[in-house]
């Protein structure tokens, strides 16, 4: 490599250093030394899915959500040392952990009542309360997992 080219590369390296462009500095130094620095493979930035993956089908009944909450959410809460939760926490948990639980019918939105699954999950909470799995005051959004549910979930 010619001396003039090396001077230009040194100047470019100094500019890259001043700009805090470390990757360019390493590449230029590699050129000066005659052994280019291999670049790491460029990985596309991963993005979260825009919607929850759902299966085709009608909305689940509240019976489905009673079972889903009883078999998935309540054990999750107990395993994490929680004996109380709010309906908002349940809804957030369902939205974030829905997986294939939702169907296209569940995701259907109604102008005054929101998504179908939310109404059914609310009905499921009322049913679990009637069954004695949960306790709450009238019109309260705070639910306590009953001690009988705690002993059933923990072998």
C-alpha atoms as a PDB file:
ATOM      1  CA  UNK A   1       0.000   0.000   0.000  1.00  0.00           C
ATOM      2  CA  UNK A   2       1.334   3.433  -0.876  1.00  0.00           C
ATOM      3  CA  UNK A   3       2.427   5.805   1.884  1.00  0.00           C
ATOM      4  CA  UNK A   4      -0.096   8.442   0.769  1.00  0.00           C
ATOM      5  CA  UNK A   5      -2.945   5.908   1.000  1.00  0.00           C
ATOM      6  CA  UNK A   6      -1.777   4.933   4.480  1.00  0.00           C
ATOM      7  CA  UNK A   7      -1.787   8.615   5.510  1.00  0.00           C
ATOM      8  CA  UNK A   8      -5.368   9.005   4.245  1.00  0.00           C
ATOM      9  CA  UNK A   9      -6.415   5.884   6.126  1.00  0.00           C
ATOM     10  CA  UNK A  10      -4.788   7.173   9.332  1.00  0.00           C
ATOM     11  CA  UNK A  11      -6.635  10.461   8.890  1.00  0.00           C
ATOM     12  CA  UNK A  12      -9.888   8.566   8.311  1.00  0.00           C
ATOM     13  CA  UNK A  13      -9.230   6.467  11.431  1.00  0.00           C
ATOM     14  CA  UNK A  14      -8.697   9.646  13.477  1.00  0.00           C
ATOM     15  CA  UNK A  15     -11.982  11.088  12.166  1.00  0.00           C
ATOM     16  CA  UNK A  16     -13.773   7.831  12.968  1.00  0.00           C
ATOM     17  CA  UNK A  17     -12.306   7.916  16.489  1.00  0.00           C
ATOM     18  CA  UNK A  18     -13.483  11.504  16.937  1.00  0.00           C
ATOM     19  CA  UNK A  19     -16.959  10.435  15.769  1.00  0.00           C
ATOM     20  CA  UNK A  20     -16.850   7.471  18.205  1.00  0.00           C
ATOM     21  CA  UNK A  21     -17.447   5.058  15.312  1.00  0.00           C
ATOM     22  CA  UNK A  22     -15.520   2.093  16.721  1.00  0.00           C
ATOM     23  CA  UNK A  23     -16.543  -0.335  13.989  1.00  0.00           C
ATOM     24  CA  UNK A  24     -15.122   1.932  11.285  1.00  0.00           C
ATOM     25  CA  UNK A  25     -11.923   2.453  13.274  1.00  0.00           C
ATOM     26  CA  UNK A  26     -11.381  -1.299  13.531  1.00  0.00           C
ATOM     27  CA  UNK A  27     -12.040  -1.763   9.814  1.00  0.00           C
ATOM     28  CA  UNK A  28      -9.583   1.008   8.869  1.00  0.00           C
ATOM     29  CA  UNK A  29      -6.886  -0.373  11.188  1.00  0.00           C
ATOM     30  CA  UNK A  30      -7.412  -3.767   9.600  1.00  0.00           C
ATOM     31  CA  UNK A  31      -6.842  -2.225   6.168  1.00  0.00           C
ATOM     32  CA  UNK A  32      -3.672  -0.492   7.399  1.00  0.00           C
ATOM     33  CA  UNK A  33      -2.312  -3.748   8.771  1.00  0.00           C
ATOM     34  CA  UNK A  34      -3.222  -5.648   5.622  1.00  0.00           C
ATOM     35  CA  UNK A  35      -5.683  -7.991   7.318  1.00  0.00           C
ATOM     36  CA  UNK A  36      -9.266  -6.782   7.242  1.00  0.00           C
ATOM     37  CA  UNK A  37     -11.249  -7.341  10.439  1.00  0.00           C
ATOM     38  CA  UNK A  38     -14.102  -9.750   9.706  1.00  0.00           C
ATOM     39  CA  UNK A  39     -17.469  -8.126  10.256  1.00  0.00           C
ATOM     40  CA  UNK A  40     -19.996  -9.950  12.415  1.00  0.00           C
ATOM     41  CA  UNK A  41     -22.977 -11.187  10.428  1.00  0.00           C
ATOM     42  CA  UNK A  42     -25.696  -8.586  10.300  1.00  0.00           C
ATOM     43  CA  UNK A  43     -28.736  -9.814  12.185  1.00  0.00           C
ATOM     44  CA  UNK A  44     -32.075  -8.317  11.357  1.00  0.00           C
ATOM     45  CA  UNK A  45     -33.669  -6.597  14.309  1.00  0.00           C
ATOM     46  CA  UNK A  46     -36.384  -8.771  15.729  1.00  0.00           C
ATOM     47  CA  UNK A  47     -39.780  -7.248  16.257  1.00  0.00           C
ATOM     48  CA  UNK A  48     -42.649  -8.312  18.433  1.00  0.00           C
ATOM     49  CA  UNK A  49     -45.621  -9.706  16.558  1.00  0.00           C
ATOM     50  CA  UNK A  50     -48.235  -7.043  15.960  1.00  0.00           C
ATOM     51  CA  UNK A  51     -51.065  -9.263  17.090  1.00  0.00           C
ATOM     52  CA  UNK A  52     -51.412 -12.327  19.192  1.00  0.00           C
ATOM     53  CA  UNK A  53     -51.434 -15.538  17.217  1.00  0.00           C
ATOM     54  CA  UNK A  54     -54.989 -16.837  17.180  1.00  0.00           C
ATOM     55  CA  UNK A  55     -56.749 -19.763  15.677  1.00  0.00           C
ATOM     56  CA  UNK A  56     -59.761 -19.555  13.425  1.00  0.00           C
ATOM     57  CA  UNK A  57     -63.046 -20.188  15.181  1.00  0.00           C
ATOM     58  CA  UNK A  58     -65.915 -18.924  17.271  1.00  0.00           C
ATOM     59  CA  UNK A  59     -65.457 -17.255  20.647  1.00  0.00           C
ATOM     60  CA  UNK A  60     -64.865 -19.492  23.632  1.00  0.00           C
ATOM     61  CA  UNK A  61     -67.620 -19.722  26.217  1.00  0.00           C
ATOM     62  CA  UNK A  62     -67.108 -18.627  29.793  1.00  0.00           C
ATOM     63  CA  UNK A  63     -66.810 -22.343  30.693  1.00  0.00           C
ATOM     64  CA  UNK A  64     -63.563 -22.472  28.685  1.00  0.00           C
ATOM     65  CA  UNK A  65     -62.227 -19.417  30.498  1.00  0.00           C
ATOM     66  CA  UNK A  66     -63.238 -20.860  33.910  1.00  0.00           C
ATOM     67  CA  UNK A  67     -61.105 -23.906  33.170  1.00  0.00           C
ATOM     68  CA  UNK A  68     -58.271 -21.858  31.637  1.00  0.00           C
ATOM     69  CA  UNK A  69     -58.093 -19.506  34.637  1.00  0.00           C
ATOM     70  CA  UNK A  70     -58.355 -22.408  37.089  1.00  0.00           C
ATOM     71  CA  UNK A  71     -55.688 -24.525  35.367  1.00  0.00           C
ATOM     72  CA  UNK A  72     -53.262 -21.827  34.163  1.00  0.00           C
ATOM     73  CA  UNK A  73     -53.644 -18.465  35.876  1.00  0.00           C
ATOM     74  CA  UNK A  74     -54.382 -19.517  39.463  1.00  0.00           C
ATOM     75  CA  UNK A  75     -51.423 -21.958  39.613  1.00  0.00           C
ATOM     76  CA  UNK A  76     -49.218 -19.212  38.108  1.00  0.00           C
ATOM     77  CA  UNK A  77     -50.289 -16.811  40.853  1.00  0.00           C
ATOM     78  CA  UNK A  78     -49.781 -19.399  43.598  1.00  0.00           C
ATOM     79  CA  UNK A  79     -46.323 -20.341  42.283  1.00  0.00           C
ATOM     80  CA  UNK A  80     -45.384 -16.660  42.461  1.00  0.00           C
ATOM     81  CA  UNK A  81     -46.608 -16.297  46.052  1.00  0.00           C
ATOM     82  CA  UNK A  82     -49.694 -14.294  45.161  1.00  0.00           C
ATOM     83  CA  UNK A  83     -53.011 -14.989  46.881  1.00  0.00           C
ATOM     84  CA  UNK A  84     -54.755 -11.905  45.515  1.00  0.00           C
ATOM     85  CA  UNK A  85     -55.054 -10.338  42.084  1.00  0.00           C
ATOM     86  CA  UNK A  86     -57.134  -7.784  40.243  1.00  0.00           C
ATOM     87  CA  UNK A  87     -59.215  -8.420  37.156  1.00  0.00           C
ATOM     88  CA  UNK A  88     -56.888  -6.017  35.310  1.00  0.00           C
ATOM     89  CA  UNK A  89     -53.908  -8.209  36.221  1.00  0.00           C
ATOM     90  CA  UNK A  90     -55.746 -11.249  34.896  1.00  0.00           C
ATOM     91  CA  UNK A  91     -56.608  -9.475  31.634  1.00  0.00           C
ATOM     92  CA  UNK A  92     -53.000  -8.312  31.193  1.00  0.00           C
ATOM     93  CA  UNK A  93     -51.726 -11.819  31.894  1.00  0.00           C
ATOM     94  CA  UNK A  94     -54.133 -13.297  29.358  1.00  0.00           C
ATOM     95  CA  UNK A  95     -53.136 -10.723  26.726  1.00  0.00           C
ATOM     96  CA  UNK A  96     -49.424 -11.368  27.281  1.00  0.00           C
ATOM     97  CA  UNK A  97     -49.633 -15.148  27.566  1.00  0.00           C
ATOM     98  CA  UNK A  98     -52.447 -15.842  25.161  1.00  0.00           C
ATOM     99  CA  UNK A  99     -50.531 -18.093  22.773  1.00  0.00           C
ATOM    100  CA  UNK A 100     -53.114 -20.045  20.875  1.00  0.00           C
ATOM    101  CA  UNK A 101     -55.790 -19.589  23.541  1.00  0.00           C
ATOM    102  CA  UNK A 102     -57.583 -16.877  21.583  1.00  0.00           C
ATOM    103  CA  UNK A 103     -59.729 -17.538  18.545  1.00  0.00           C
ATOM    104  CA  UNK A 104     -60.768 -15.011  15.939  1.00  0.00           C
ATOM    105  CA  UNK A 105     -64.173 -14.969  17.654  1.00  0.00           C
ATOM    106  CA  UNK A 106     -62.545 -14.116  20.995  1.00  0.00           C
ATOM    107  CA  UNK A 107     -60.770 -11.142  19.433  1.00  0.00           C
ATOM    108  CA  UNK A 108     -63.935  -9.666  17.911  1.00  0.00           C
ATOM    109  CA  UNK A 109     -64.506  -6.179  19.322  1.00  0.00           C
ATOM    110  CA  UNK A 110     -67.862  -4.643  20.159  1.00  0.00           C
ATOM    111  CA  UNK A 111     -68.297  -0.860  20.388  1.00  0.00           C
ATOM    112  CA  UNK A 112     -69.543  -0.643  23.980  1.00  0.00           C
ATOM    113  CA  UNK A 113     -68.095  -3.762  25.562  1.00  0.00           C
ATOM    114  CA  UNK A 114     -64.630  -4.363  24.106  1.00  0.00           C
ATOM    115  CA  UNK A 115     -63.261  -7.734  23.045  1.00  0.00           C
ATOM    116  CA  UNK A 116     -65.444 -10.814  23.422  1.00  0.00           C
ATOM    117  CA  UNK A 117     -62.820 -12.667  25.465  1.00  0.00           C
ATOM    118  CA  UNK A 118     -62.803  -9.958  28.148  1.00  0.00           C
ATOM    119  CA  UNK A 119     -66.530 -10.327  28.768  1.00  0.00           C
ATOM    120  CA  UNK A 120     -66.235 -14.099  28.891  1.00  0.00           C
ATOM    121  CA  UNK A 121     -63.244 -13.917  31.255  1.00  0.00           C
ATOM    122  CA  UNK A 122     -65.241 -11.581  33.523  1.00  0.00           C
ATOM    123  CA  UNK A 123     -68.094 -14.085  33.532  1.00  0.00           C
ATOM    124  CA  UNK A 124     -65.553 -16.806  34.351  1.00  0.00           C
ATOM    125  CA  UNK A 125     -64.380 -14.832  37.393  1.00  0.00           C
ATOM    126  CA  UNK A 126     -67.980 -14.609  38.601  1.00  0.00           C
ATOM    127  CA  UNK A 127     -68.409 -18.370  38.093  1.00  0.00           C
ATOM    128  CA  UNK A 128     -65.173 -19.124  39.978  1.00  0.00           C
ATOM    129  CA  UNK A 129     -66.428 -16.915  42.779  1.00  0.00           C
ATOM    130  CA  UNK A 130     -69.713 -18.871  42.895  1.00  0.00           C
ATOM    131  CA  UNK A 131     -67.781 -22.149  42.942  1.00  0.00           C
ATOM    132  CA  UNK A 132     -65.773 -20.960  45.950  1.00  0.00           C
ATOM    133  CA  UNK A 133     -62.455 -20.905  44.110  1.00  0.00           C
ATOM    134  CA  UNK A 134     -62.238 -17.110  44.437  1.00  0.00           C
ATOM    135  CA  UNK A 135     -63.562 -14.573  46.904  1.00  0.00           C
ATOM    136  CA  UNK A 136     -64.275 -10.880  46.428  1.00  0.00           C
ATOM    137  CA  UNK A 137     -66.627  -8.205  47.637  1.00  0.00           C
ATOM    138  CA  UNK A 138     -69.629  -7.259  45.542  1.00  0.00           C
ATOM    139  CA  UNK A 139     -68.548  -5.151  42.536  1.00  0.00           C
ATOM    140  CA  UNK A 140     -64.902  -5.430  43.578  1.00  0.00           C
ATOM    141  CA  UNK A 141     -62.143  -6.020  41.069  1.00  0.00           C
ATOM    142  CA  UNK A 142     -59.854  -7.583  43.662  1.00  0.00           C
ATOM    143  CA  UNK A 143     -60.011 -11.366  43.970  1.00  0.00           C
ATOM    144  CA  UNK A 144     -58.554 -13.643  46.642  1.00  0.00           C
ATOM    145  CA  UNK A 145     -57.713 -17.242  45.904  1.00  0.00           C
ATOM    146  CA  UNK A 146     -59.425 -19.353  48.564  1.00  0.00           C
ATOM    147  CA  UNK A 147     -57.418 -21.574  50.871  1.00  0.00           C
ATOM    148  CA  UNK A 148     -59.171 -24.659  49.455  1.00  0.00           C
ATOM    149  CA  UNK A 149     -57.838 -23.694  46.006  1.00  0.00           C
ATOM    150  CA  UNK A 150     -54.357 -23.284  47.457  1.00  0.00           C
ATOM    151  CA  UNK A 151     -54.356 -26.800  48.900  1.00  0.00           C
ATOM    152  CA  UNK A 152     -55.751 -28.299  45.667  1.00  0.00           C
ATOM    153  CA  UNK A 153     -53.012 -26.678  43.571  1.00  0.00           C
ATOM    154  CA  UNK A 154     -50.134 -27.611  45.891  1.00  0.00           C
ATOM    155  CA  UNK A 155     -49.694 -31.408  46.183  1.00  0.00           C
END
